PDB file of N, CA and C in Angstrom:
ATOM      1  N   MET A   1      -5.235   9.414  -5.005  1.00  0.00           N
ATOM      2  CA  MET A   1      -4.117   9.698  -4.135  1.00  0.00           C
ATOM      3  C   MET A   1      -2.927   8.841  -4.563  1.00  0.00           C
ATOM      4  N   ARG A   2      -1.736   9.396  -4.409  1.00  0.00           N
ATOM      5  CA  ARG A   2      -0.508   8.672  -4.739  1.00  0.00           C
ATOM      6  C   ARG A   2      -0.350   7.454  -3.829  1.00  0.00           C
ATOM      7  N   VAL A   3       0.144   6.362  -4.379  1.00  0.00           N
ATOM      8  CA  VAL A   3       0.286   5.133  -3.613  1.00  0.00           C
ATOM      9  C   VAL A   3       1.312   5.287  -2.491  1.00  0.00           C
ATOM     10  N   ASP A   4       2.391   6.036  -2.707  1.00  0.00           N
ATOM     11  CA  ASP A   4       3.387   6.193  -1.647  1.00  0.00           C
ATOM     12  C   ASP A   4       2.804   6.934  -0.448  1.00  0.00           C
ATOM     13  N   LEU A   5       2.023   7.942  -0.698  1.00  0.00           N
ATOM     14  CA  LEU A   5       1.397   8.701   0.387  1.00  0.00           C
ATOM     15  C   LEU A   5       0.306   7.876   1.075  1.00  0.00           C
ATOM     16  N   ALA A   6      -0.476   7.159   0.280  1.00  0.00           N
ATOM     17  CA  ALA A   6      -1.558   6.340   0.849  1.00  0.00           C
ATOM     18  C   ALA A   6      -1.012   5.251   1.766  1.00  0.00           C
ATOM     19  N   LEU A   7       0.044   4.572   1.362  1.00  0.00           N
ATOM     20  CA  LEU A   7       0.613   3.512   2.196  1.00  0.00           C
ATOM     21  C   LEU A   7       1.205   4.070   3.485  1.00  0.00           C
ATOM     22  N   LYS A   8       1.744   5.263   3.441  1.00  0.00           N
ATOM     23  CA  LYS A   8       2.232   5.903   4.661  1.00  0.00           C
ATOM     24  C   LYS A   8       1.047   6.243   5.565  1.00  0.00           C
ATOM     25  N   TYR A   9       0.002   6.818   5.013  1.00  0.00           N
ATOM     26  CA  TYR A   9      -1.182   7.164   5.802  1.00  0.00           C
ATOM     27  C   TYR A   9      -1.845   5.935   6.408  1.00  0.00           C
ATOM     28  N   LEU A  10      -1.763   4.790   5.717  1.00  0.00           N
ATOM     29  CA  LEU A  10      -2.381   3.551   6.198  1.00  0.00           C
ATOM     30  C   LEU A  10      -1.476   2.759   7.143  1.00  0.00           C
ATOM     31  N   CYS A  11      -0.348   3.325   7.492  1.00  0.00           N
ATOM     32  CA  CYS A  11       0.607   2.682   8.408  1.00  0.00           C
ATOM     33  C   CYS A  11       1.174   1.377   7.848  1.00  0.00           C
ATOM     34  N   LEU A  12       1.230   1.260   6.533  1.00  0.00           N
ATOM     35  CA  LEU A  12       1.803   0.082   5.901  1.00  0.00           C
ATOM     36  C   LEU A  12       3.245   0.324   5.467  1.00  0.00           C
ATOM     37  N   ALA A  13       3.686   1.575   5.561  1.00  0.00           N
ATOM     38  CA  ALA A  13       5.067   1.939   5.252  1.00  0.00           C
ATOM     39  C   ALA A  13       5.507   3.019   6.227  1.00  0.00           C
ATOM     40  N   LYS A  14       6.785   3.001   6.565  1.00  0.00           N
ATOM     41  CA  LYS A  14       7.292   3.999   7.508  1.00  0.00           C
ATOM     42  C   LYS A  14       7.422   5.373   6.865  1.00  0.00           C
ATOM     43  N   SER A  15       7.729   5.384   5.567  1.00  0.00           N
ATOM     44  CA  SER A  15       7.922   6.658   4.884  1.00  0.00           C
ATOM     45  C   SER A  15       7.625   6.502   3.398  1.00  0.00           C
ATOM     46  N   ARG A  16       7.467   7.620   2.728  1.00  0.00           N
ATOM     47  CA  ARG A  16       7.260   7.583   1.287  1.00  0.00           C
ATOM     48  C   ARG A  16       8.506   7.055   0.583  1.00  0.00           C
ATOM     49  N   SER A  17       9.677   7.345   1.116  1.00  0.00           N
ATOM     50  CA  SER A  17      10.910   6.860   0.487  1.00  0.00           C
ATOM     51  C   SER A  17      11.027   5.342   0.582  1.00  0.00           C
ATOM     52  N   SER A  18      10.478   4.738   1.638  1.00  0.00           N
ATOM     53  CA  SER A  18      10.501   3.272   1.727  1.00  0.00           C
ATOM     54  C   SER A  18       9.591   2.658   0.665  1.00  0.00           C
ATOM     55  N   VAL A  19       8.492   3.324   0.347  1.00  0.00           N
ATOM     56  CA  VAL A  19       7.618   2.858  -0.738  1.00  0.00           C
ATOM     57  C   VAL A  19       8.336   3.007  -2.077  1.00  0.00           C
ATOM     58  N   LYS A  20       9.071   4.093  -2.248  1.00  0.00           N
ATOM     59  CA  LYS A  20       9.832   4.304  -3.484  1.00  0.00           C
ATOM     60  C   LYS A  20      10.846   3.185  -3.679  1.00  0.00           C
ATOM     61  N   THR A  21      11.498   2.789  -2.596  1.00  0.00           N
ATOM     62  CA  THR A  21      12.466   1.696  -2.673  1.00  0.00           C
ATOM     63  C   THR A  21      11.793   0.399  -3.119  1.00  0.00           C
ATOM     64  N   LEU A  22      10.621   0.093  -2.553  1.00  0.00           N
ATOM     65  CA  LEU A  22       9.878  -1.105  -2.968  1.00  0.00           C
ATOM     66  C   LEU A  22       9.528  -1.031  -4.455  1.00  0.00           C
ATOM     67  N   CYS A  23       9.105   0.139  -4.903  1.00  0.00           N
ATOM     68  CA  CYS A  23       8.746   0.309  -6.314  1.00  0.00           C
ATOM     69  C   CYS A  23       9.970   0.155  -7.216  1.00  0.00           C
ATOM     70  N   ASP A  24      11.086   0.760  -6.820  1.00  0.00           N
ATOM     71  CA  ASP A  24      12.315   0.668  -7.614  1.00  0.00           C
ATOM     72  C   ASP A  24      12.790  -0.771  -7.751  1.00  0.00           C
ATOM     73  N   LYS A  25      12.547  -1.582  -6.719  1.00  0.00           N
ATOM     74  CA  LYS A  25      12.953  -2.995  -6.747  1.00  0.00           C
ATOM     75  C   LYS A  25      11.850  -3.898  -7.315  1.00  0.00           C
ATOM     76  N   GLN A  26      10.773  -3.276  -7.788  1.00  0.00           N
ATOM     77  CA  GLN A  26       9.615  -3.976  -8.361  1.00  0.00           C
ATOM     78  C   GLN A  26       8.993  -4.954  -7.372  1.00  0.00           C
ATOM     79  N   LEU A  27       8.885  -4.532  -6.113  1.00  0.00           N
ATOM     80  CA  LEU A  27       8.307  -5.356  -5.059  1.00  0.00           C
ATOM     81  C   LEU A  27       6.915  -4.880  -4.658  1.00  0.00           C
ATOM     82  N   LEU A  28       6.369  -3.921  -5.381  1.00  0.00           N
ATOM     83  CA  LEU A  28       5.037  -3.410  -5.105  1.00  0.00           C
ATOM     84  C   LEU A  28       4.236  -3.427  -6.396  1.00  0.00           C
ATOM     85  N   THR A  29       3.076  -4.073  -6.347  1.00  0.00           N
ATOM     86  CA  THR A  29       2.215  -4.100  -7.526  1.00  0.00           C
ATOM     87  C   THR A  29       0.818  -3.603  -7.160  1.00  0.00           C
ATOM     88  N   ILE A  30       0.181  -2.996  -8.130  1.00  0.00           N
ATOM     89  CA  ILE A  30      -1.214  -2.591  -8.001  1.00  0.00           C
ATOM     90  C   ILE A  30      -1.974  -3.306  -9.104  1.00  0.00           C
ATOM     91  N   ASN A  31      -2.949  -4.106  -8.701  1.00  0.00           N
ATOM     92  CA  ASN A  31      -3.744  -4.896  -9.646  1.00  0.00           C
ATOM     93  C   ASN A  31      -2.860  -5.725 -10.576  1.00  0.00           C
ATOM     94  N   GLY A  32      -1.780  -6.281 -10.019  1.00  0.00           N
ATOM     95  CA  GLY A  32      -0.910  -7.174 -10.781  1.00  0.00           C
ATOM     96  C   GLY A  32       0.152  -6.492 -11.620  1.00  0.00           C
ATOM     97  N   ARG A  33       0.188  -5.162 -11.627  1.00  0.00           N
ATOM     98  CA  ARG A  33       1.184  -4.429 -12.416  1.00  0.00           C
ATOM     99  C   ARG A  33       2.170  -3.744 -11.483  1.00  0.00           C
ATOM    100  N   VAL A  34       3.446  -3.768 -11.861  1.00  0.00           N
ATOM    101  CA  VAL A  34       4.466  -3.095 -11.065  1.00  0.00           C
ATOM    102  C   VAL A  34       4.110  -1.613 -11.011  1.00  0.00           C
ATOM    103  N   ALA A  35       4.181  -1.051  -9.811  1.00  0.00           N
ATOM    104  CA  ALA A  35       3.737   0.335  -9.603  1.00  0.00           C
ATOM    105  C   ALA A  35       4.901   1.288  -9.413  1.00  0.00           C
ATOM    106  N   LYS A  36       4.645   2.537  -9.756  1.00  0.00           N
ATOM    107  CA  LYS A  36       5.559   3.627  -9.445  1.00  0.00           C
ATOM    108  C   LYS A  36       5.022   4.314  -8.195  1.00  0.00           C
ATOM    109  N   PRO A  37       5.877   5.022  -7.450  1.00  0.00           N
ATOM    110  CA  PRO A  37       5.399   5.703  -6.243  1.00  0.00           C
ATOM    111  C   PRO A  37       4.299   6.724  -6.529  1.00  0.00           C
ATOM    112  N   SER A  38       4.291   7.259  -7.721  1.00  0.00           N
ATOM    113  CA  SER A  38       3.312   8.284  -8.073  1.00  0.00           C
ATOM    114  C   SER A  38       2.011   7.705  -8.638  1.00  0.00           C
ATOM    115  N   ALA A  39       1.906   6.392  -8.699  1.00  0.00           N
ATOM    116  CA  ALA A  39       0.695   5.762  -9.237  1.00  0.00           C
ATOM    117  C   ALA A  39      -0.512   6.167  -8.408  1.00  0.00           C
ATOM    118  N   THR A  40      -1.627   6.376  -9.072  1.00  0.00           N
ATOM    119  CA  THR A  40      -2.850   6.781  -8.388  1.00  0.00           C
ATOM    120  C   THR A  40      -3.559   5.554  -7.831  1.00  0.00           C
ATOM    121  N   LEU A  41      -3.956   5.660  -6.588  1.00  0.00           N
ATOM    122  CA  LEU A  41      -4.642   4.573  -5.903  1.00  0.00           C
ATOM    123  C   LEU A  41      -6.144   4.844  -5.892  1.00  0.00           C
ATOM    124  N   HIS A  42      -6.927   3.810  -6.199  1.00  0.00           N
ATOM    125  CA  HIS A  42      -8.378   3.929  -6.225  1.00  0.00           C
ATOM    126  C   HIS A  42      -9.009   2.889  -5.293  1.00  0.00           C
ATOM    127  N   ILE A  43     -10.244   3.127  -4.925  1.00  0.00           N
ATOM    128  CA  ILE A  43     -10.993   2.155  -4.130  1.00  0.00           C
ATOM    129  C   ILE A  43     -11.117   0.868  -4.936  1.00  0.00           C
ATOM    130  N   ASP A  44     -11.008  -0.268  -4.278  1.00  0.00           N
ATOM    131  CA  ASP A  44     -11.055  -1.623  -4.839  1.00  0.00           C
ATOM    132  C   ASP A  44      -9.775  -2.051  -5.547  1.00  0.00           C
ATOM    133  N   ASP A  45      -8.733  -1.227  -5.540  1.00  0.00           N
ATOM    134  CA  ASP A  45      -7.443  -1.660  -6.071  1.00  0.00           C
ATOM    135  C   ASP A  45      -6.853  -2.717  -5.145  1.00  0.00           C
ATOM    136  N   THR A  46      -6.114  -3.647  -5.718  1.00  0.00           N
ATOM    137  CA  THR A  46      -5.419  -4.681  -4.959  1.00  0.00           C
ATOM    138  C   THR A  46      -3.931  -4.372  -4.987  1.00  0.00           C
ATOM    139  N   ILE A  47      -3.348  -4.247  -3.807  1.00  0.00           N
ATOM    140  CA  ILE A  47      -1.926  -3.918  -3.674  1.00  0.00           C
ATOM    141  C   ILE A  47      -1.207  -5.118  -3.083  1.00  0.00           C
ATOM    142  N   THR A  48      -0.084  -5.488  -3.699  1.00  0.00           N
ATOM    143  CA  THR A  48       0.754  -6.557  -3.172  1.00  0.00           C
ATOM    144  C   THR A  48       2.113  -5.980  -2.835  1.00  0.00           C
ATOM    145  N   LEU A  49       2.536  -6.200  -1.591  1.00  0.00           N
ATOM    146  CA  LEU A  49       3.840  -5.748  -1.113  1.00  0.00           C
ATOM    147  C   LEU A  49       4.700  -6.968  -0.827  1.00  0.00           C
ATOM    148  N   GLU A  50       5.876  -7.017  -1.420  1.00  0.00           N
ATOM    149  CA  GLU A  50       6.837  -8.089  -1.137  1.00  0.00           C
ATOM    150  C   GLU A  50       7.770  -7.554  -0.061  1.00  0.00           C
ATOM    151  N   LEU A  51       7.495  -7.907   1.183  1.00  0.00           N
ATOM    152  CA  LEU A  51       8.309  -7.439   2.296  1.00  0.00           C
ATOM    153  C   LEU A  51       9.415  -8.443   2.575  1.00  0.00           C
ATOM    154  N   GLN A  52      10.262  -8.183   3.548  1.00  0.00           N
ATOM    155  CA  GLN A  52      11.457  -8.989   3.787  1.00  0.00           C
ATOM    156  C   GLN A  52      11.202 -10.485   3.734  1.00  0.00           C
ATOM    157  N   SER A  53      10.321 -10.991   4.561  1.00  0.00           N
ATOM    158  CA  SER A  53      10.107 -12.438   4.599  1.00  0.00           C
ATOM    159  C   SER A  53       8.647 -12.808   4.369  1.00  0.00           C
ATOM    160  N   ARG A  54       7.867 -11.884   3.850  1.00  0.00           N
ATOM    161  CA  ARG A  54       6.458 -12.182   3.635  1.00  0.00           C
ATOM    162  C   ARG A  54       5.895 -11.374   2.486  1.00  0.00           C
ATOM    163  N   GLN A  55       4.742 -11.810   2.036  1.00  0.00           N
ATOM    164  CA  GLN A  55       4.022 -11.118   0.976  1.00  0.00           C
ATOM    165  C   GLN A  55       2.661 -10.712   1.539  1.00  0.00           C
ATOM    166  N   LEU A  56       2.329  -9.442   1.405  1.00  0.00           N
ATOM    167  CA  LEU A  56       1.073  -8.913   1.909  1.00  0.00           C
ATOM    168  C   LEU A  56       0.255  -8.396   0.740  1.00  0.00           C
ATOM    169  N   THR A  57      -0.984  -8.878   0.621  1.00  0.00           N
ATOM    170  CA  THR A  57      -1.897  -8.411  -0.407  1.00  0.00           C
ATOM    171  C   THR A  57      -3.122  -7.838   0.277  1.00  0.00           C
ATOM    172  N   ILE A  58      -3.464  -6.598  -0.101  1.00  0.00           N
ATOM    173  CA  ILE A  58      -4.623  -5.927   0.481  1.00  0.00           C
ATOM    174  C   ILE A  58      -5.537  -5.396  -0.618  1.00  0.00           C
ATOM    175  N   ARG A  59      -6.804  -5.194  -0.262  1.00  0.00           N
ATOM    176  CA  ARG A  59      -7.767  -4.548  -1.157  1.00  0.00           C
ATOM    177  C   ARG A  59      -8.176  -3.249  -0.481  1.00  0.00           C
ATOM    178  N   VAL A  60      -8.070  -2.154  -1.219  1.00  0.00           N
ATOM    179  CA  VAL A  60      -8.372  -0.833  -0.679  1.00  0.00           C
ATOM    180  C   VAL A  60      -9.882  -0.653  -0.576  1.00  0.00           C
ATOM    181  N   VAL A  61     -10.366  -0.321   0.622  1.00  0.00           N
ATOM    182  CA  VAL A  61     -11.785  -0.106   0.881  1.00  0.00           C
ATOM    183  C   VAL A  61     -12.121   1.382   0.809  1.00  0.00           C
ATOM    184  N   ASP A  62     -11.191   2.210   1.297  1.00  0.00           N
ATOM    185  CA  ASP A  62     -11.391   3.659   1.293  1.00  0.00           C
ATOM    186  C   ASP A  62     -10.028   4.328   1.185  1.00  0.00           C
ATOM    187  N   ILE A  63     -10.008   5.541   0.674  1.00  0.00           N
ATOM    188  CA  ILE A  63      -8.762   6.287   0.506  1.00  0.00           C
ATOM    189  C   ILE A  63      -8.601   7.246   1.694  1.00  0.00           C
ATOM    190  N   PRO A  64      -7.479   7.152   2.410  1.00  0.00           N
ATOM    191  CA  PRO A  64      -7.275   8.065   3.545  1.00  0.00           C
ATOM    192  C   PRO A  64      -6.943   9.468   3.051  1.00  0.00           C
ATOM    193  N   ARG A  65      -7.351  10.465   3.794  1.00  0.00           N
ATOM    194  CA  ARG A  65      -7.072  11.862   3.442  1.00  0.00           C
ATOM    195  C   ARG A  65      -5.990  12.468   4.325  1.00  0.00           C
ATOM    196  N   LYS A  66      -5.627  11.747   5.404  1.00  0.00           N
ATOM    197  CA  LYS A  66      -4.586  12.215   6.315  1.00  0.00           C
ATOM    198  C   LYS A  66      -3.994  11.011   7.029  1.00  0.00           C
ATOM    199  N   GLN A  67      -2.945  11.254   7.797  1.00  0.00           N
ATOM    200  CA  GLN A  67      -2.309  10.179   8.562  1.00  0.00           C
ATOM    201  C   GLN A  67      -3.308   9.598   9.554  1.00  0.00           C
ATOM    202  N   LEU A  68      -3.395   8.263   9.592  1.00  0.00           N
ATOM    203  CA  LEU A  68      -4.346   7.578  10.463  1.00  0.00           C
ATOM    204  C   LEU A  68      -3.611   6.824  11.564  1.00  0.00           C
ATOM    205  N   SER A  69      -4.309   6.559  12.647  1.00  0.00           N
ATOM    206  CA  SER A  69      -3.747   5.673  13.661  1.00  0.00           C
ATOM    207  C   SER A  69      -3.843   4.245  13.130  1.00  0.00           C
ATOM    208  N   LYS A  70      -3.038   3.351  13.656  1.00  0.00           N
ATOM    209  CA  LYS A  70      -3.039   1.972  13.161  1.00  0.00           C
ATOM    210  C   LYS A  70      -4.403   1.312  13.316  1.00  0.00           C
ATOM    211  N   SER A  71      -5.085   1.580  14.413  1.00  0.00           N
ATOM    212  CA  SER A  71      -6.383   0.942  14.642  1.00  0.00           C
ATOM    213  C   SER A  71      -7.436   1.438  13.641  1.00  0.00           C
ATOM    214  N   ILE A  72      -7.416   2.701  13.303  1.00  0.00           N
ATOM    215  CA  ILE A  72      -8.366   3.238  12.329  1.00  0.00           C
ATOM    216  C   ILE A  72      -7.976   2.831  10.910  1.00  0.00           C
ATOM    217  N   ALA A  73      -6.670   2.772  10.632  1.00  0.00           N
ATOM    218  CA  ALA A  73      -6.194   2.415   9.297  1.00  0.00           C
ATOM    219  C   ALA A  73      -6.683   1.034   8.862  1.00  0.00           C
ATOM    220  N   LEU A  74      -6.854   0.125   9.800  1.00  0.00           N
ATOM    221  CA  LEU A  74      -7.312  -1.230   9.474  1.00  0.00           C
ATOM    222  C   LEU A  74      -8.682  -1.248   8.802  1.00  0.00           C
ATOM    223  N   SER A  75      -9.492  -0.244   9.038  1.00  0.00           N
ATOM    224  CA  SER A  75     -10.821  -0.199   8.424  1.00  0.00           C
ATOM    225  C   SER A  75     -10.777   0.342   6.992  1.00  0.00           C
ATOM    226  N   TYR A  76      -9.629   0.801   6.528  1.00  0.00           N
ATOM    227  CA  TYR A  76      -9.486   1.356   5.189  1.00  0.00           C
ATOM    228  C   TYR A  76      -9.058   0.321   4.157  1.00  0.00           C
ATOM    229  N   TYR A  77      -8.700  -0.898   4.614  1.00  0.00           N
ATOM    230  CA  TYR A  77      -8.313  -1.952   3.678  1.00  0.00           C
ATOM    231  C   TYR A  77      -8.663  -3.327   4.264  1.00  0.00           C
ATOM    232  N   ASP A  78      -8.784  -4.286   3.349  1.00  0.00           N
ATOM    233  CA  ASP A  78      -9.006  -5.681   3.728  1.00  0.00           C
ATOM    234  C   ASP A  78      -7.768  -6.469   3.374  1.00  0.00           C
ATOM    235  N   VAL A  79      -7.296  -7.317   4.270  1.00  0.00           N
ATOM    236  CA  VAL A  79      -6.148  -8.172   3.980  1.00  0.00           C
ATOM    237  C   VAL A  79      -6.649  -9.366   3.172  1.00  0.00           C
ATOM    238  N   VAL A  80      -6.082  -9.531   1.984  1.00  0.00           N
ATOM    239  CA  VAL A  80      -6.439 -10.654   1.121  1.00  0.00           C
ATOM    240  C   VAL A  80      -5.576 -11.853   1.469  1.00  0.00           C
ATOM    241  N   THR A  81      -4.259 -11.655   1.485  1.00  0.00           N
ATOM    242  CA  THR A  81      -3.320 -12.702   1.910  1.00  0.00           C
ATOM    243  C   THR A  81      -2.192 -12.073   2.699  1.00  0.00           C
ATOM    244  N   ASP A  82      -1.672 -12.830   3.634  1.00  0.00           N
ATOM    245  CA  ASP A  82      -0.521 -12.411   4.433  1.00  0.00           C
ATOM    246  C   ASP A  82       0.337 -13.655   4.653  1.00  0.00           C
ATOM    247  N   GLN A  83       1.306 -13.848   3.771  1.00  0.00           N
ATOM    248  CA  GLN A  83       2.132 -15.059   3.819  1.00  0.00           C
ATOM    249  C   GLN A  83       3.519 -14.736   4.262  1.00  0.00           C
TER     250      GLN A  83
END
């Protein structure tokens, strides 16, 4: 699944265009590499998001197939760091 769509489904981004903006500014990495919005996301990938005043790193546990509620989305990834 595309990373922009997956992050929207996991409630980690408001929209796919917001993920594109992070990618364009090189603030989103997958497994340590700068990602494009169309990058394919796999189970066990590590995603790092450089947000306004914090850095969030997660490990993907499962790939969502549709939009999830925030409470269910939490079971699809593990937070590695949240600084």
